């Protein structure tokens, strides 16, 4: 999952110092739509073993590297005004996927809690949700490190993400069987999302080590 032309260590910020609050608000709304678009693709084919790569291709990302594609020359905001689209971490495919699968995990856990009645304690649910947040946070910090060219830091963050994923897998395995049977699809969605996030971590770590060996 190389960053193409974006991750060479020559980090220069978000790219457009002239932007105001409204410009960035529009940018983030567009990013929210990209996250939702990936999640819709992912959910549509969630039973397929290669759902990650199929969804990535539908997003237009490079098949092998998941590098960001060339952005459009011109973006229009909700009022129809055009503006340049600078590159920042929000466009990175791994950021988009981490946010999308984080939403998948949260939604699935909410479904479990709703259908399980009192069989899942507040403490167990809170611990699991916190582990989901840790996974997303560490993965985003890792991608930020790759953008600044610090592959060693990225590796450390990804290792911490893997630790959080393993913790989440362990916590989800401890949920009462009655609760999991009451929401079999949500339970499966949590398991799939966690294993897919682990796959992404391993890919990024392999890329970081490969990049580090070249320098």
N, C-alpha and C. Protein backbone atom coordinates (compact mmCIF):
# COMPACT_ATOMS: atom_id res chain seq x y z
N UNK A 1 0.83 -1.19 0.00
CA UNK A 1 0.00 0.00 0.00
C UNK A 1 0.87 1.25 0.00
N UNK A 2 1.63 1.43 -1.03
CA UNK A 2 2.46 2.62 -1.12
C UNK A 2 1.58 3.83 -1.39
N UNK A 3 2.14 5.00 -1.10
CA UNK A 3 1.38 6.23 -1.26
C UNK A 3 1.62 6.88 -2.61
N UNK A 4 2.20 6.15 -3.51
CA UNK A 4 2.43 6.75 -4.82
C UNK A 4 3.36 7.93 -4.69
N UNK A 5 2.94 9.05 -5.20
CA UNK A 5 3.77 10.25 -5.19
C UNK A 5 3.64 11.02 -3.90
N UNK A 6 2.79 10.57 -2.97
CA UNK A 6 2.49 11.39 -1.81
C UNK A 6 3.40 11.13 -0.62
N UNK A 7 3.96 9.93 -0.50
CA UNK A 7 4.69 9.59 0.71
C UNK A 7 6.17 9.43 0.44
N UNK A 8 6.91 10.53 0.41
CA UNK A 8 8.34 10.48 0.17
C UNK A 8 9.12 11.11 1.30
N UNK A 9 8.43 11.51 2.36
CA UNK A 9 9.10 12.17 3.46
C UNK A 9 9.14 13.68 3.30
N UNK A 10 8.76 14.20 2.15
CA UNK A 10 8.77 15.64 1.92
C UNK A 10 7.41 16.22 2.27
N UNK A 11 7.06 16.13 3.52
CA UNK A 11 5.73 16.54 3.96
C UNK A 11 5.65 18.06 4.04
N UNK A 12 4.65 18.64 3.42
CA UNK A 12 4.51 20.09 3.39
C UNK A 12 3.15 20.54 3.87
N UNK A 13 2.57 19.79 4.77
CA UNK A 13 1.28 20.19 5.29
C UNK A 13 0.15 19.77 4.40
N UNK A 14 -1.02 20.39 4.59
CA UNK A 14 -2.21 19.96 3.89
C UNK A 14 -2.35 20.55 2.50
N UNK A 15 -1.50 21.50 2.14
CA UNK A 15 -1.42 21.86 0.74
C UNK A 15 -2.11 23.12 0.30
N UNK A 16 -2.95 23.75 1.09
CA UNK A 16 -3.64 24.94 0.64
C UNK A 16 -3.86 25.88 1.81
N UNK A 17 -2.87 26.73 2.06
CA UNK A 17 -2.92 27.63 3.21
C UNK A 17 -3.99 28.70 3.05
N UNK A 18 -4.49 28.90 1.82
CA UNK A 18 -5.48 29.96 1.59
C UNK A 18 -6.89 29.51 1.94
N UNK A 19 -7.08 28.26 2.22
CA UNK A 19 -8.42 27.76 2.52
C UNK A 19 -8.91 28.29 3.86
N UNK A 20 -10.22 28.57 3.89
CA UNK A 20 -10.85 28.99 5.12
C UNK A 20 -11.66 27.86 5.74
N UNK A 21 -12.37 28.18 6.80
CA UNK A 21 -13.15 27.18 7.52
C UNK A 21 -14.19 26.51 6.64
N UNK A 22 -14.86 27.29 5.81
CA UNK A 22 -15.91 26.72 4.96
C UNK A 22 -15.34 25.77 3.92
N UNK A 23 -14.15 26.10 3.38
CA UNK A 23 -13.50 25.22 2.41
C UNK A 23 -13.19 23.86 3.03
N UNK A 24 -12.64 23.88 4.24
CA UNK A 24 -12.29 22.63 4.90
C UNK A 24 -13.53 21.86 5.33
N UNK A 25 -14.58 22.58 5.70
CA UNK A 25 -15.83 21.90 6.05
C UNK A 25 -16.38 21.15 4.84
N UNK A 26 -16.32 21.77 3.66
CA UNK A 26 -16.76 21.10 2.43
C UNK A 26 -15.88 19.91 2.10
N UNK A 27 -14.58 20.08 2.31
CA UNK A 27 -13.62 19.00 2.06
C UNK A 27 -13.93 17.79 2.93
N UNK A 28 -14.20 18.03 4.21
CA UNK A 28 -14.47 16.92 5.13
C UNK A 28 -15.82 16.27 4.84
N UNK A 29 -16.79 17.06 4.39
CA UNK A 29 -18.07 16.45 3.99
C UNK A 29 -17.87 15.54 2.78
N UNK A 30 -17.03 15.97 1.86
CA UNK A 30 -16.72 15.12 0.70
C UNK A 30 -16.03 13.84 1.17
N UNK A 31 -15.11 13.97 2.11
CA UNK A 31 -14.43 12.79 2.64
C UNK A 31 -15.40 11.85 3.33
N UNK A 32 -16.37 12.40 4.05
CA UNK A 32 -17.40 11.56 4.68
C UNK A 32 -18.15 10.75 3.63
N UNK A 33 -18.41 11.38 2.48
CA UNK A 33 -19.11 10.66 1.41
C UNK A 33 -18.24 9.56 0.82
N UNK A 34 -16.93 9.78 0.74
CA UNK A 34 -16.02 8.74 0.25
C UNK A 34 -15.99 7.55 1.21
N UNK A 35 -15.97 7.83 2.50
CA UNK A 35 -16.00 6.77 3.51
C UNK A 35 -17.29 5.97 3.38
N UNK A 36 -18.41 6.68 3.23
CA UNK A 36 -19.70 6.01 3.08
C UNK A 36 -19.75 5.19 1.79
N UNK A 37 -19.11 5.70 0.73
CA UNK A 37 -19.10 4.98 -0.55
C UNK A 37 -18.33 3.68 -0.41
N UNK A 38 -17.15 3.73 0.23
CA UNK A 38 -16.40 2.49 0.43
C UNK A 38 -17.22 1.50 1.27
N UNK A 39 -17.83 1.99 2.34
CA UNK A 39 -18.58 1.09 3.21
C UNK A 39 -19.75 0.45 2.49
N UNK A 40 -20.38 1.19 1.59
CA UNK A 40 -21.50 0.62 0.83
C UNK A 40 -21.02 -0.49 -0.09
N UNK A 41 -19.86 -0.30 -0.73
CA UNK A 41 -19.29 -1.36 -1.57
C UNK A 41 -18.95 -2.57 -0.72
N UNK A 42 -18.32 -2.32 0.41
CA UNK A 42 -17.87 -3.40 1.29
C UNK A 42 -19.06 -4.22 1.80
N UNK A 43 -20.11 -3.53 2.21
CA UNK A 43 -21.27 -4.24 2.74
C UNK A 43 -21.99 -5.03 1.66
N UNK A 44 -21.94 -4.52 0.45
CA UNK A 44 -22.62 -5.20 -0.67
C UNK A 44 -21.99 -6.56 -0.96
N UNK A 45 -20.67 -6.69 -0.73
CA UNK A 45 -19.98 -7.94 -1.07
C UNK A 45 -19.30 -8.54 0.16
N UNK A 46 -19.85 -8.29 1.33
CA UNK A 46 -19.17 -8.65 2.57
C UNK A 46 -18.98 -10.15 2.75
N UNK A 47 -19.71 -10.97 2.00
CA UNK A 47 -19.55 -12.42 2.12
C UNK A 47 -18.41 -12.96 1.26
N UNK A 48 -17.83 -12.13 0.40
CA UNK A 48 -16.76 -12.59 -0.48
C UNK A 48 -15.41 -12.50 0.22
N UNK A 49 -14.53 -13.46 0.01
CA UNK A 49 -13.24 -13.45 0.71
C UNK A 49 -12.33 -12.30 0.29
N UNK A 50 -12.46 -11.81 -0.95
CA UNK A 50 -11.61 -10.72 -1.43
C UNK A 50 -12.36 -9.39 -1.45
N UNK A 51 -13.25 -9.20 -0.46
CA UNK A 51 -14.08 -7.99 -0.42
C UNK A 51 -13.26 -6.70 -0.31
N UNK A 52 -12.13 -6.77 0.36
CA UNK A 52 -11.30 -5.57 0.50
C UNK A 52 -10.79 -5.08 -0.85
N UNK A 53 -10.20 -5.97 -1.62
CA UNK A 53 -9.61 -5.58 -2.89
C UNK A 53 -10.67 -5.24 -3.94
N UNK A 54 -11.79 -5.94 -3.90
CA UNK A 54 -12.88 -5.59 -4.83
C UNK A 54 -13.40 -4.19 -4.52
N UNK A 55 -13.60 -3.89 -3.26
CA UNK A 55 -14.08 -2.56 -2.86
C UNK A 55 -13.06 -1.50 -3.24
N UNK A 56 -11.76 -1.81 -3.07
CA UNK A 56 -10.71 -0.85 -3.42
C UNK A 56 -10.73 -0.55 -4.92
N UNK A 57 -10.91 -1.59 -5.73
CA UNK A 57 -10.97 -1.36 -7.18
C UNK A 57 -12.17 -0.49 -7.54
N UNK A 58 -13.30 -0.73 -6.88
CA UNK A 58 -14.47 0.09 -7.17
C UNK A 58 -14.25 1.55 -6.77
N UNK A 59 -13.42 1.76 -5.77
CA UNK A 59 -13.10 3.13 -5.36
C UNK A 59 -12.14 3.80 -6.34
N UNK A 60 -11.53 2.99 -7.22
CA UNK A 60 -10.58 3.55 -8.18
C UNK A 60 -9.16 3.60 -7.67
N UNK A 61 -8.88 2.89 -6.58
CA UNK A 61 -7.52 2.86 -6.05
C UNK A 61 -6.70 1.87 -6.84
N UNK A 62 -5.38 2.06 -6.81
CA UNK A 62 -4.49 1.15 -7.50
C UNK A 62 -4.64 -0.24 -6.90
N UNK A 63 -4.75 -1.22 -7.77
CA UNK A 63 -5.09 -2.56 -7.31
C UNK A 63 -4.07 -3.14 -6.35
N UNK A 64 -2.79 -3.03 -6.68
CA UNK A 64 -1.77 -3.69 -5.86
C UNK A 64 -1.39 -2.86 -4.64
N UNK A 65 -1.29 -1.56 -4.82
CA UNK A 65 -0.71 -0.73 -3.77
C UNK A 65 -1.72 0.04 -2.94
N UNK A 66 -2.94 0.08 -3.37
CA UNK A 66 -3.96 0.89 -2.71
C UNK A 66 -3.48 2.34 -2.57
N UNK A 67 -2.73 2.79 -3.54
CA UNK A 67 -2.29 4.19 -3.49
C UNK A 67 -3.41 5.10 -3.93
N UNK A 68 -3.42 6.32 -3.44
CA UNK A 68 -4.46 7.25 -3.88
C UNK A 68 -4.35 7.50 -5.37
N UNK A 69 -5.45 7.48 -6.07
CA UNK A 69 -5.46 7.81 -7.48
C UNK A 69 -5.29 9.31 -7.68
N UNK A 70 -5.14 9.71 -8.92
CA UNK A 70 -5.02 11.14 -9.17
C UNK A 70 -6.33 11.82 -8.83
N UNK A 71 -6.30 12.89 -8.00
CA UNK A 71 -7.52 13.58 -7.65
C UNK A 71 -8.05 14.35 -8.84
N UNK A 72 -9.33 14.67 -8.86
CA UNK A 72 -9.87 15.48 -9.94
C UNK A 72 -9.22 16.85 -9.96
N UNK A 73 -9.11 17.41 -11.16
CA UNK A 73 -8.49 18.73 -11.27
C UNK A 73 -9.31 19.79 -10.56
N UNK A 74 -10.60 19.57 -10.47
CA UNK A 74 -11.46 20.60 -9.89
C UNK A 74 -12.58 19.94 -9.10
N UNK A 75 -12.84 20.47 -7.91
CA UNK A 75 -13.92 19.99 -7.06
C UNK A 75 -14.91 21.13 -6.88
N UNK A 76 -16.18 20.81 -6.85
CA UNK A 76 -17.20 21.82 -6.60
C UNK A 76 -17.86 21.57 -5.26
N UNK A 77 -18.06 22.64 -4.52
CA UNK A 77 -18.70 22.49 -3.21
C UNK A 77 -20.21 22.44 -3.40
N UNK A 78 -20.94 22.44 -2.29
CA UNK A 78 -22.39 22.27 -2.36
C UNK A 78 -23.08 23.46 -3.01
N UNK A 79 -22.40 24.60 -3.08
CA UNK A 79 -22.99 25.77 -3.73
C UNK A 79 -22.58 25.86 -5.20
N UNK A 80 -21.81 24.88 -5.67
CA UNK A 80 -21.40 24.87 -7.07
C UNK A 80 -20.12 25.62 -7.33
N UNK A 81 -19.48 26.17 -6.29
CA UNK A 81 -18.23 26.89 -6.47
C UNK A 81 -17.10 25.87 -6.61
N UNK A 82 -16.16 26.17 -7.51
CA UNK A 82 -15.06 25.23 -7.72
C UNK A 82 -13.89 25.57 -6.79
N UNK A 83 -13.12 24.55 -6.42
CA UNK A 83 -11.93 24.77 -5.63
C UNK A 83 -10.95 23.63 -5.85
N UNK A 84 -9.66 23.90 -5.66
CA UNK A 84 -8.64 22.87 -5.80
C UNK A 84 -8.73 21.90 -4.64
N UNK A 85 -8.38 20.64 -4.90
CA UNK A 85 -8.41 19.62 -3.86
C UNK A 85 -6.99 19.31 -3.43
N UNK A 86 -6.56 19.80 -2.26
CA UNK A 86 -5.20 19.49 -1.80
C UNK A 86 -5.14 18.07 -1.27
N UNK A 87 -3.93 17.52 -1.22
CA UNK A 87 -3.78 16.20 -0.63
C UNK A 87 -3.55 16.33 0.87
N UNK A 88 -4.26 15.53 1.64
CA UNK A 88 -3.94 15.34 3.05
C UNK A 88 -4.36 13.93 3.44
N UNK A 89 -4.10 13.56 4.65
CA UNK A 89 -4.25 12.17 5.08
C UNK A 89 -5.66 11.61 4.85
N UNK A 90 -6.66 12.49 4.85
CA UNK A 90 -8.05 12.05 4.68
C UNK A 90 -8.27 11.31 3.36
N UNK A 91 -7.43 11.58 2.36
CA UNK A 91 -7.59 10.93 1.06
C UNK A 91 -6.91 9.57 0.99
N UNK A 92 -6.08 9.26 1.98
CA UNK A 92 -5.33 8.00 1.91
C UNK A 92 -6.30 6.83 2.02
N UNK A 93 -6.18 5.84 1.14
CA UNK A 93 -7.09 4.70 1.19
C UNK A 93 -7.17 4.02 2.55
N UNK A 94 -6.05 3.89 3.25
CA UNK A 94 -6.09 3.21 4.54
C UNK A 94 -6.85 4.05 5.57
N UNK A 95 -6.75 5.37 5.47
CA UNK A 95 -7.56 6.23 6.34
C UNK A 95 -9.04 5.99 6.06
N UNK A 96 -9.41 5.99 4.80
CA UNK A 96 -10.81 5.79 4.42
C UNK A 96 -11.32 4.44 4.93
N UNK A 97 -10.52 3.39 4.74
CA UNK A 97 -10.95 2.05 5.15
C UNK A 97 -11.02 1.94 6.66
N UNK A 98 -10.04 2.50 7.37
CA UNK A 98 -10.06 2.44 8.83
C UNK A 98 -11.29 3.13 9.39
N UNK A 99 -11.64 4.27 8.81
CA UNK A 99 -12.83 4.99 9.27
C UNK A 99 -14.09 4.21 8.91
N UNK A 100 -14.13 3.66 7.69
CA UNK A 100 -15.33 2.93 7.25
C UNK A 100 -15.55 1.68 8.10
N UNK A 101 -14.50 0.89 8.31
CA UNK A 101 -14.67 -0.33 9.08
C UNK A 101 -14.85 -0.02 10.57
N UNK A 102 -14.34 1.12 11.02
CA UNK A 102 -14.65 1.56 12.38
C UNK A 102 -16.14 1.82 12.55
N UNK A 103 -16.74 2.44 11.53
CA UNK A 103 -18.19 2.65 11.57
C UNK A 103 -18.94 1.32 11.52
N UNK A 104 -18.42 0.38 10.72
CA UNK A 104 -19.04 -0.95 10.64
C UNK A 104 -19.02 -1.63 12.00
N UNK A 105 -17.90 -1.56 12.69
CA UNK A 105 -17.77 -2.17 14.01
C UNK A 105 -18.74 -1.54 15.01
N UNK A 106 -18.80 -0.22 15.02
CA UNK A 106 -19.69 0.47 15.95
C UNK A 106 -21.15 0.13 15.69
N UNK A 107 -21.54 0.15 14.42
CA UNK A 107 -22.92 -0.16 14.06
C UNK A 107 -23.28 -1.59 14.44
N UNK A 108 -22.37 -2.52 14.19
CA UNK A 108 -22.64 -3.93 14.50
C UNK A 108 -22.74 -4.15 15.99
N UNK A 109 -21.88 -3.49 16.76
CA UNK A 109 -21.95 -3.63 18.21
C UNK A 109 -23.25 -3.03 18.75
N UNK A 110 -23.68 -1.92 18.18
CA UNK A 110 -24.96 -1.32 18.60
C UNK A 110 -26.11 -2.28 18.33
N UNK A 111 -26.06 -2.97 17.18
CA UNK A 111 -27.09 -3.96 16.87
C UNK A 111 -27.07 -5.09 17.89
N UNK A 112 -25.87 -5.56 18.23
CA UNK A 112 -25.74 -6.61 19.23
C UNK A 112 -26.34 -6.18 20.56
N UNK A 113 -25.99 -4.98 21.00
CA UNK A 113 -26.50 -4.48 22.27
C UNK A 113 -28.02 -4.36 22.26
N UNK A 114 -28.56 -3.92 21.14
CA UNK A 114 -30.00 -3.73 21.04
C UNK A 114 -30.75 -5.06 21.11
N UNK A 115 -30.20 -6.08 20.46
CA UNK A 115 -30.90 -7.37 20.38
C UNK A 115 -30.60 -8.31 21.54
N UNK A 116 -29.53 -8.00 22.27
CA UNK A 116 -29.10 -8.94 23.31
C UNK A 116 -29.75 -8.72 24.65
N UNK A 117 -30.53 -7.65 24.77
CA UNK A 117 -31.15 -7.35 26.06
C UNK A 117 -30.12 -7.06 27.11
N UNK A 118 -30.20 -7.75 28.26
CA UNK A 118 -29.26 -7.51 29.35
C UNK A 118 -28.12 -8.51 29.37
N UNK A 119 -27.95 -9.29 28.32
CA UNK A 119 -26.91 -10.34 28.35
C UNK A 119 -25.51 -9.77 28.16
N UNK A 120 -25.38 -8.59 27.54
CA UNK A 120 -24.08 -7.93 27.41
C UNK A 120 -24.02 -6.81 28.44
N UNK A 121 -23.06 -6.85 29.32
CA UNK A 121 -22.94 -5.82 30.35
C UNK A 121 -22.42 -4.53 29.74
N UNK A 122 -22.70 -3.44 30.42
CA UNK A 122 -22.20 -2.13 29.97
C UNK A 122 -20.68 -2.11 29.95
N UNK A 123 -20.08 -2.78 30.93
CA UNK A 123 -18.62 -2.82 31.00
C UNK A 123 -18.03 -3.56 29.80
N UNK A 124 -18.61 -4.70 29.45
CA UNK A 124 -18.12 -5.48 28.32
C UNK A 124 -18.28 -4.71 27.02
N UNK A 125 -19.42 -4.07 26.85
CA UNK A 125 -19.67 -3.28 25.64
C UNK A 125 -18.71 -2.10 25.56
N UNK A 126 -18.48 -1.43 26.69
CA UNK A 126 -17.58 -0.28 26.71
C UNK A 126 -16.15 -0.67 26.40
N UNK A 127 -15.70 -1.81 26.96
CA UNK A 127 -14.34 -2.27 26.69
C UNK A 127 -14.16 -2.60 25.21
N UNK A 128 -15.16 -3.22 24.63
CA UNK A 128 -15.07 -3.59 23.21
C UNK A 128 -15.06 -2.35 22.33
N UNK A 129 -15.92 -1.39 22.64
CA UNK A 129 -15.95 -0.15 21.87
C UNK A 129 -14.62 0.60 21.98
N UNK A 130 -14.04 0.60 23.18
CA UNK A 130 -12.75 1.29 23.36
C UNK A 130 -11.66 0.62 22.54
N UNK A 131 -11.69 -0.71 22.45
CA UNK A 131 -10.69 -1.41 21.63
C UNK A 131 -10.88 -1.08 20.16
N UNK A 132 -12.12 -0.93 19.70
CA UNK A 132 -12.37 -0.51 18.32
C UNK A 132 -11.75 0.86 18.06
N UNK A 133 -11.93 1.77 19.02
CA UNK A 133 -11.38 3.12 18.87
C UNK A 133 -9.86 3.07 18.82
N UNK A 134 -9.25 2.25 19.65
CA UNK A 134 -7.79 2.13 19.66
C UNK A 134 -7.27 1.66 18.30
N UNK A 135 -7.94 0.69 17.71
CA UNK A 135 -7.52 0.18 16.39
C UNK A 135 -7.51 1.32 15.37
N UNK A 136 -8.61 2.03 15.29
CA UNK A 136 -8.73 3.10 14.31
C UNK A 136 -7.69 4.19 14.55
N UNK A 137 -7.52 4.58 15.82
CA UNK A 137 -6.55 5.62 16.16
C UNK A 137 -5.13 5.23 15.75
N UNK A 138 -4.70 4.02 16.10
CA UNK A 138 -3.34 3.60 15.80
C UNK A 138 -3.10 3.48 14.29
N UNK A 139 -4.10 3.01 13.55
CA UNK A 139 -3.94 2.89 12.11
C UNK A 139 -3.83 4.27 11.45
N UNK A 140 -4.62 5.21 11.91
CA UNK A 140 -4.55 6.56 11.34
C UNK A 140 -3.22 7.22 11.68
N UNK A 141 -2.74 7.02 12.90
CA UNK A 141 -1.44 7.57 13.27
C UNK A 141 -0.32 6.92 12.44
N UNK A 142 -0.46 5.64 12.13
CA UNK A 142 0.53 4.97 11.30
C UNK A 142 0.58 5.57 9.90
N UNK A 143 -0.59 5.81 9.32
CA UNK A 143 -0.63 6.39 7.97
C UNK A 143 -0.10 7.82 7.99
N UNK A 144 -0.36 8.55 9.05
CA UNK A 144 0.22 9.88 9.18
C UNK A 144 1.74 9.79 9.20
N UNK A 145 2.28 8.77 9.87
CA UNK A 145 3.73 8.59 9.92
C UNK A 145 4.30 8.27 8.54
N UNK A 146 3.58 7.46 7.74
CA UNK A 146 4.08 7.17 6.39
C UNK A 146 4.09 8.43 5.55
N UNK A 147 3.13 9.32 5.76
CA UNK A 147 3.09 10.56 4.99
C UNK A 147 4.26 11.48 5.34
N UNK A 148 4.75 11.39 6.57
CA UNK A 148 5.90 12.20 6.95
C UNK A 148 7.21 11.46 6.71
N UNK A 149 7.12 10.23 6.17
CA UNK A 149 8.31 9.49 5.80
C UNK A 149 8.96 8.71 6.92
N UNK A 150 8.31 8.61 8.07
CA UNK A 150 8.89 7.89 9.21
C UNK A 150 8.32 6.48 9.25
N UNK A 151 8.94 5.56 8.53
CA UNK A 151 8.43 4.20 8.43
C UNK A 151 8.58 3.44 9.73
N UNK A 152 9.60 3.74 10.51
CA UNK A 152 9.78 3.05 11.79
C UNK A 152 8.64 3.40 12.74
N UNK A 153 8.26 4.66 12.78
CA UNK A 153 7.13 5.07 13.62
C UNK A 153 5.84 4.43 13.12
N UNK A 154 5.68 4.36 11.81
CA UNK A 154 4.49 3.71 11.24
C UNK A 154 4.41 2.25 11.67
N UNK A 155 5.55 1.57 11.66
CA UNK A 155 5.57 0.17 12.08
C UNK A 155 5.14 0.02 13.54
N UNK A 156 5.62 0.90 14.39
CA UNK A 156 5.27 0.82 15.81
C UNK A 156 3.77 1.04 15.99
N UNK A 157 3.20 2.02 15.29
CA UNK A 157 1.76 2.27 15.40
C UNK A 157 0.97 1.08 14.87
N UNK A 158 1.42 0.47 13.78
CA UNK A 158 0.70 -0.68 13.25
C UNK A 158 0.78 -1.88 14.18
N UNK A 159 1.91 -2.05 14.85
CA UNK A 159 2.01 -3.12 15.84
C UNK A 159 1.04 -2.88 16.99
N UNK A 160 0.90 -1.61 17.39
CA UNK A 160 -0.06 -1.28 18.44
C UNK A 160 -1.49 -1.51 17.95
N UNK A 161 -1.73 -1.23 16.66
CA UNK A 161 -3.05 -1.50 16.09
C UNK A 161 -3.34 -3.00 16.10
N UNK A 162 -2.35 -3.81 15.76
CA UNK A 162 -2.54 -5.26 15.79
C UNK A 162 -2.83 -5.75 17.20
N UNK A 163 -2.16 -5.16 18.17
CA UNK A 163 -2.43 -5.53 19.57
C UNK A 163 -3.87 -5.20 19.95
N UNK A 164 -4.34 -4.02 19.51
CA UNK A 164 -5.72 -3.62 19.81
C UNK A 164 -6.72 -4.52 19.08
N UNK A 165 -6.38 -4.93 17.86
CA UNK A 165 -7.25 -5.86 17.11
C UNK A 165 -7.35 -7.19 17.84
N UNK A 166 -6.22 -7.70 18.29
CA UNK A 166 -6.23 -8.97 19.02
C UNK A 166 -7.05 -8.87 20.31
N UNK A 167 -6.93 -7.72 20.97
CA UNK A 167 -7.73 -7.52 22.18
C UNK A 167 -9.22 -7.50 21.84
N UNK A 168 -9.57 -6.81 20.74
CA UNK A 168 -10.98 -6.75 20.33
C UNK A 168 -11.51 -8.13 19.96
N UNK A 169 -10.68 -8.92 19.26
CA UNK A 169 -11.10 -10.28 18.90
C UNK A 169 -11.34 -11.10 20.17
N UNK A 170 -10.45 -10.95 21.15
CA UNK A 170 -10.61 -11.68 22.40
C UNK A 170 -11.85 -11.25 23.16
N UNK A 171 -12.10 -9.95 23.20
CA UNK A 171 -13.28 -9.45 23.91
C UNK A 171 -14.57 -9.89 23.22
N UNK A 172 -14.58 -9.86 21.89
CA UNK A 172 -15.79 -10.27 21.18
C UNK A 172 -16.05 -11.77 21.36
N UNK A 173 -14.97 -12.54 21.49
CA UNK A 173 -15.14 -13.98 21.70
C UNK A 173 -15.75 -14.28 23.07
N UNK A 174 -15.57 -13.35 24.01
CA UNK A 174 -16.10 -13.54 25.37
C UNK A 174 -17.55 -13.11 25.52
N UNK A 175 -18.12 -12.52 24.46
CA UNK A 175 -19.52 -12.11 24.55
C UNK A 175 -20.40 -13.35 24.73
N UNK A 176 -21.48 -13.22 25.47
CA UNK A 176 -22.35 -14.39 25.71
C UNK A 176 -22.86 -15.00 24.41
N UNK A 177 -22.88 -16.32 24.36
CA UNK A 177 -23.35 -17.02 23.16
C UNK A 177 -24.78 -16.60 22.81
N UNK A 178 -25.61 -16.41 23.81
CA UNK A 178 -26.99 -16.00 23.57
C UNK A 178 -27.04 -14.69 22.82
N UNK A 179 -26.16 -13.76 23.20
CA UNK A 179 -26.13 -12.46 22.53
C UNK A 179 -25.70 -12.61 21.08
N UNK A 180 -24.68 -13.42 20.84
CA UNK A 180 -24.19 -13.60 19.47
C UNK A 180 -25.21 -14.31 18.59
N UNK A 181 -25.93 -15.25 19.16
CA UNK A 181 -26.95 -15.95 18.38
C UNK A 181 -28.13 -15.04 18.06
N UNK A 182 -28.39 -14.07 18.93
CA UNK A 182 -29.50 -13.15 18.69
C UNK A 182 -29.22 -12.19 17.53
N UNK A 183 -27.93 -12.03 17.20
CA UNK A 183 -27.54 -11.14 16.10
C UNK A 183 -26.39 -11.78 15.34
N UNK A 184 -26.68 -12.88 14.67
CA UNK A 184 -25.62 -13.64 14.00
C UNK A 184 -24.92 -12.82 12.92
N UNK A 185 -25.69 -12.02 12.17
CA UNK A 185 -25.09 -11.24 11.09
C UNK A 185 -24.18 -10.16 11.66
N UNK A 186 -24.63 -9.47 12.70
CA UNK A 186 -23.80 -8.44 13.31
C UNK A 186 -22.53 -9.04 13.91
N UNK A 187 -22.65 -10.21 14.51
CA UNK A 187 -21.49 -10.89 15.07
C UNK A 187 -20.48 -11.23 13.97
N UNK A 188 -20.98 -11.73 12.85
CA UNK A 188 -20.12 -12.05 11.71
C UNK A 188 -19.47 -10.79 11.15
N UNK A 189 -20.23 -9.68 11.09
CA UNK A 189 -19.69 -8.43 10.57
C UNK A 189 -18.54 -7.91 11.43
N UNK A 190 -18.66 -8.06 12.75
CA UNK A 190 -17.59 -7.64 13.65
C UNK A 190 -16.34 -8.47 13.39
N UNK A 191 -16.51 -9.77 13.31
CA UNK A 191 -15.37 -10.66 13.08
C UNK A 191 -14.69 -10.35 11.76
N UNK A 192 -15.49 -10.20 10.69
CA UNK A 192 -14.91 -9.92 9.38
C UNK A 192 -14.17 -8.60 9.35
N UNK A 193 -14.76 -7.56 9.95
CA UNK A 193 -14.12 -6.24 9.95
C UNK A 193 -12.80 -6.28 10.70
N UNK A 194 -12.76 -6.96 11.83
CA UNK A 194 -11.51 -7.04 12.60
C UNK A 194 -10.43 -7.79 11.83
N UNK A 195 -10.79 -8.90 11.20
CA UNK A 195 -9.79 -9.64 10.44
C UNK A 195 -9.35 -8.87 9.20
N UNK A 196 -10.25 -8.09 8.60
CA UNK A 196 -9.86 -7.27 7.46
C UNK A 196 -8.93 -6.14 7.89
N UNK A 197 -9.21 -5.54 9.04
CA UNK A 197 -8.31 -4.50 9.56
C UNK A 197 -6.94 -5.10 9.85
N UNK A 198 -6.90 -6.30 10.37
CA UNK A 198 -5.61 -6.95 10.62
C UNK A 198 -4.86 -7.18 9.31
N UNK A 199 -5.58 -7.60 8.27
CA UNK A 199 -4.95 -7.80 6.97
C UNK A 199 -4.34 -6.50 6.45
N UNK A 200 -5.05 -5.39 6.62
CA UNK A 200 -4.54 -4.09 6.18
C UNK A 200 -3.29 -3.73 6.95
N UNK A 201 -3.30 -3.94 8.27
CA UNK A 201 -2.12 -3.64 9.08
C UNK A 201 -0.91 -4.42 8.58
N UNK A 202 -1.10 -5.70 8.31
CA UNK A 202 0.01 -6.53 7.85
C UNK A 202 0.53 -6.06 6.50
N UNK A 203 -0.36 -5.63 5.62
CA UNK A 203 0.08 -5.12 4.31
C UNK A 203 0.88 -3.85 4.46
N UNK A 204 0.40 -2.94 5.29
CA UNK A 204 1.11 -1.68 5.49
C UNK A 204 2.47 -1.94 6.13
N UNK A 205 2.52 -2.84 7.10
CA UNK A 205 3.80 -3.15 7.74
C UNK A 205 4.79 -3.73 6.74
N UNK A 206 4.31 -4.59 5.84
CA UNK A 206 5.19 -5.15 4.83
C UNK A 206 5.73 -4.06 3.91
N UNK A 207 4.86 -3.11 3.54
CA UNK A 207 5.29 -2.00 2.69
C UNK A 207 6.29 -1.10 3.40
N UNK A 208 6.05 -0.85 4.69
CA UNK A 208 6.97 0.00 5.45
C UNK A 208 8.35 -0.63 5.53
N UNK A 209 8.39 -1.93 5.76
CA UNK A 209 9.69 -2.62 5.84
C UNK A 209 10.39 -2.61 4.48
N UNK A 210 9.58 -2.79 3.41
CA UNK A 210 10.16 -2.74 2.07
C UNK A 210 10.72 -1.36 1.75
N UNK A 211 9.96 -0.31 2.09
CA UNK A 211 10.43 1.05 1.86
C UNK A 211 11.68 1.34 2.69
N UNK A 212 11.66 0.84 3.96
CA UNK A 212 12.81 1.08 4.83
C UNK A 212 14.07 0.40 4.33
N UNK A 213 13.92 -0.75 3.69
CA UNK A 213 15.09 -1.48 3.19
C UNK A 213 15.71 -0.79 1.99
N UNK A 214 14.94 0.05 1.31
CA UNK A 214 15.46 0.76 0.14
C UNK A 214 16.25 1.99 0.53
N UNK A 215 15.97 2.54 1.74
CA UNK A 215 16.60 3.79 2.12
C UNK A 215 17.95 3.57 2.78
